[in-house]
Protein backbone atom coordinates (compact mmCIF):
# COMPACT_ATOMS: atom_id res chain seq x y z
CA MET A 1 50.68 29.75 -3.26
CA GLU A 2 53.04 32.57 -2.26
CA ARG A 3 55.98 31.88 -0.06
CA ARG A 4 56.82 33.91 3.01
CA GLY A 5 60.30 33.67 4.41
CA GLY A 6 61.00 30.43 2.54
CA ARG A 7 57.86 28.73 3.87
CA ARG A 8 54.58 28.14 2.13
CA ALA A 9 52.06 30.78 3.05
CA ARG A 10 48.90 29.47 4.66
CA PRO A 11 45.69 30.29 2.85
CA GLU A 12 43.60 33.00 4.49
CA GLY A 13 40.41 31.02 3.95
CA LEU A 14 39.67 27.52 2.83
CA GLY A 15 38.14 28.42 -0.57
CA GLY A 16 40.02 27.54 -3.75
CA GLN A 17 43.44 27.62 -2.07
CA LEU A 18 43.30 23.97 -1.05
CA SER A 19 44.46 21.01 -3.08
CA GLU A 20 41.95 18.43 -4.29
CA ARG A 21 43.37 16.03 -1.69
CA THR A 22 42.66 18.47 1.12
CA ARG A 23 39.18 19.27 -0.14
CA GLU A 24 38.34 15.56 -0.04
CA VAL A 25 39.48 15.30 3.57
CA LEU A 26 37.33 18.31 4.36
CA ALA A 27 34.42 16.12 3.27
CA ALA A 28 35.41 13.67 6.02
CA ALA A 29 32.52 11.62 7.31
CA PRO A 30 31.39 11.19 10.90
CA VAL A 31 31.39 7.54 11.99
CA PRO A 32 30.90 5.78 15.32
CA TYR A 33 34.18 5.35 17.18
CA ALA A 34 33.68 1.57 17.01
CA HIS A 35 33.35 1.65 13.19
CA ALA A 36 35.98 -0.47 11.40
CA ASP A 37 37.40 2.56 9.54
CA ALA A 38 37.81 4.51 12.77
CA GLN A 39 39.37 1.57 14.57
CA SER A 40 41.82 0.95 11.72
CA LEU A 41 43.14 4.50 12.03
CA VAL A 42 43.08 4.43 15.84
CA GLU A 43 45.23 1.29 15.73
CA ALA A 44 47.63 3.08 13.37
CA VAL A 45 47.94 6.09 15.66
CA GLN A 46 48.48 3.82 18.66
CA GLN A 47 51.28 2.08 16.75
CA GLU A 48 52.82 5.47 16.03
CA TYR A 49 52.70 6.27 19.76
CA VAL A 50 54.51 2.97 20.44
CA GLU A 51 57.22 3.96 17.96
CA ARG A 52 57.57 7.52 19.28
CA TYR A 53 56.97 7.01 23.02
CA GLY A 54 57.58 3.31 23.63
CA GLY A 55 53.91 2.55 24.38
CA PRO A 56 50.35 3.39 23.35
CA ASP A 57 48.32 6.33 24.60
CA GLU A 58 46.82 5.04 27.85
CA THR A 59 44.22 7.78 28.19
CA PRO A 60 40.87 6.14 28.96
CA VAL A 61 38.59 6.50 25.93
CA ASP A 62 34.93 5.54 25.86
CA GLY A 63 33.62 5.36 22.31
CA ALA A 64 30.33 6.87 23.48
CA ASP A 65 32.22 10.12 24.26
CA PHE A 66 32.34 10.72 20.49
CA ASP A 67 28.62 10.24 19.92
CA PRO A 68 26.61 13.28 18.82
CA PRO A 69 25.47 15.70 19.99
CA ALA A 70 28.30 16.09 22.55
CA GLY A 71 31.03 14.60 20.37
CA VAL A 72 31.94 13.38 16.91
CA PHE A 73 34.55 11.15 15.32
CA LEU A 74 35.61 11.87 11.74
CA VAL A 75 37.47 9.76 9.21
CA GLY A 76 38.89 11.17 5.99
CA ARG A 77 39.67 9.46 2.72
CA VAL A 78 41.66 10.40 -0.36
CA ASP A 79 40.97 8.43 -3.52
CA GLY A 80 39.07 5.91 -1.41
CA THR A 81 41.98 5.36 0.98
CA LEU A 82 41.63 6.14 4.69
CA VAL A 83 44.15 8.85 5.52
CA ALA A 84 43.00 10.76 8.60
CA CYS A 85 40.88 10.70 11.71
CA GLY A 86 40.10 12.73 14.77
CA GLY A 87 37.39 13.30 17.29
CA ILE A 88 36.04 15.76 19.77
CA ARG A 89 34.59 14.84 23.14
CA ARG A 90 32.96 16.93 25.85
CA VAL A 91 35.03 18.28 28.74
CA ASP A 92 32.38 20.68 30.08
CA ASP A 93 29.53 22.78 28.68
CA ASP A 94 31.92 25.19 26.93
CA THR A 95 34.93 22.96 26.21
CA ALA A 96 35.64 19.94 24.04
CA GLU A 97 38.85 17.94 23.72
CA ILE A 98 40.46 16.88 20.44
CA LYS A 99 41.42 13.24 20.65
CA ARG A 100 42.99 10.69 18.30
CA MET A 101 43.77 13.18 15.55
CA TYR A 102 45.99 11.34 13.09
CA VAL A 103 47.15 11.47 9.47
CA THR A 104 48.80 8.49 7.81
CA SER A 105 52.44 8.96 6.85
CA ALA A 106 51.61 8.80 3.11
CA ALA A 107 49.21 11.75 3.43
CA ARG A 108 51.41 14.06 5.53
CA ARG A 109 52.77 17.45 4.42
CA GLN A 110 49.85 17.95 2.03
CA GLY A 111 47.48 20.03 4.17
CA VAL A 112 45.48 17.03 5.34
CA ALA A 113 46.14 17.57 9.07
CA ARG A 114 45.22 21.26 8.89
CA ALA A 115 42.05 20.36 6.98
CA MET A 116 41.07 17.74 9.56
CA LEU A 117 41.78 20.20 12.39
CA THR A 118 39.54 22.75 10.68
CA ARG A 119 36.76 20.16 10.41
CA LEU A 120 37.09 19.26 14.09
CA GLU A 121 37.00 22.92 15.09
CA GLN A 122 33.84 23.41 13.02
CA ALA A 123 32.25 20.32 14.55
CA ALA A 124 33.00 21.76 18.01
CA ARG A 125 31.39 25.07 17.07
CA ASP A 126 28.38 23.23 15.64
CA ALA A 127 28.02 21.35 18.95
CA GLY A 128 28.01 24.65 20.85
CA TYR A 129 31.52 24.55 22.29
CA ARG A 130 33.48 27.78 22.65
CA ARG A 131 36.88 26.28 23.47
CA LEU A 132 39.03 23.32 22.43
CA VAL A 133 41.85 21.66 24.37
CA LEU A 134 44.22 18.82 23.55
CA GLU A 135 47.26 16.97 24.81
CA SER A 136 50.28 16.25 22.64
CA GLY A 137 53.81 15.20 23.42
CA ASN A 138 57.28 16.48 22.65
CA ALA A 139 57.91 13.44 20.44
CA GLN A 140 55.32 14.86 18.01
CA PRO A 141 56.97 18.13 16.90
CA GLU A 142 54.93 18.21 13.67
CA ALA A 143 51.67 18.08 15.60
CA LEU A 144 52.84 20.73 18.05
CA ALA A 145 53.85 23.00 15.16
CA LEU A 146 50.44 22.52 13.50
CA TYR A 147 48.53 23.34 16.68
CA ARG A 148 50.67 26.35 17.56
CA SER A 149 50.42 27.75 14.02
CA SER A 150 46.64 27.29 14.29
CA GLY A 151 46.39 29.45 17.40
CA TYR A 152 46.64 26.85 20.16
CA THR A 153 48.55 28.07 23.21
CA PRO A 154 49.57 26.43 26.49
CA VAL A 155 46.78 25.84 29.00
CA ALA A 156 46.86 24.44 32.52
CA PRO A 157 47.87 20.79 32.38
CA TYR A 158 44.85 18.47 32.38
CA GLY A 159 43.95 14.93 31.51
CA PHE A 160 45.74 11.63 31.83
CA TYR A 161 49.23 13.03 31.11
CA ARG A 162 48.91 16.26 33.13
CA CYS A 163 51.90 15.35 35.31
CA HIS A 164 54.10 13.97 32.54
CA PRO A 165 57.06 16.30 31.80
CA GLU A 166 56.95 15.62 28.04
CA ALA A 167 53.23 16.40 27.70
CA ASN A 168 51.87 19.64 26.30
CA SER A 169 48.36 20.83 27.11
CA LEU A 170 47.16 23.31 24.50
CA GLY A 171 43.90 25.10 23.83
CA ARG A 172 42.18 27.87 21.97
CA MET A 173 38.94 29.76 21.92
CA LEU A 174 36.78 29.12 18.88
């Protein structure tokens, strides 16, 4: 892939520009939020929040929020190993929220997060949503960089952490 200004250029489309690892994550499977694979990754992301923020994400989450047709929860594997997850849940008729998006440390910096984000965006479109929102914190600069480079911009604070000074509410039209 070409480099622009010392950084890897992002592919214009998903086509043949993606690594085999990323293509496999793009084949991520929807599972119930209570599924053991989903819960394993949710526990891992909660542990990461403890390490970065001193405690888990306390946002109330009802597993039924991720049930189709209003939501979905995806898990991704590479070579049979769970490496990523993320879900969308309904906010209103036009808007869904991305929640619990996570990539294991061993699978980072390989396009897996961008591939999972793309899958979640497509799932939102497929469910009829026109907009996505999310919350992320300053202690997750990699996540913030991914979202901003994917077209997410600041939106009015919302959700559980709307009054927290380190929280970032981002969104984009699909």
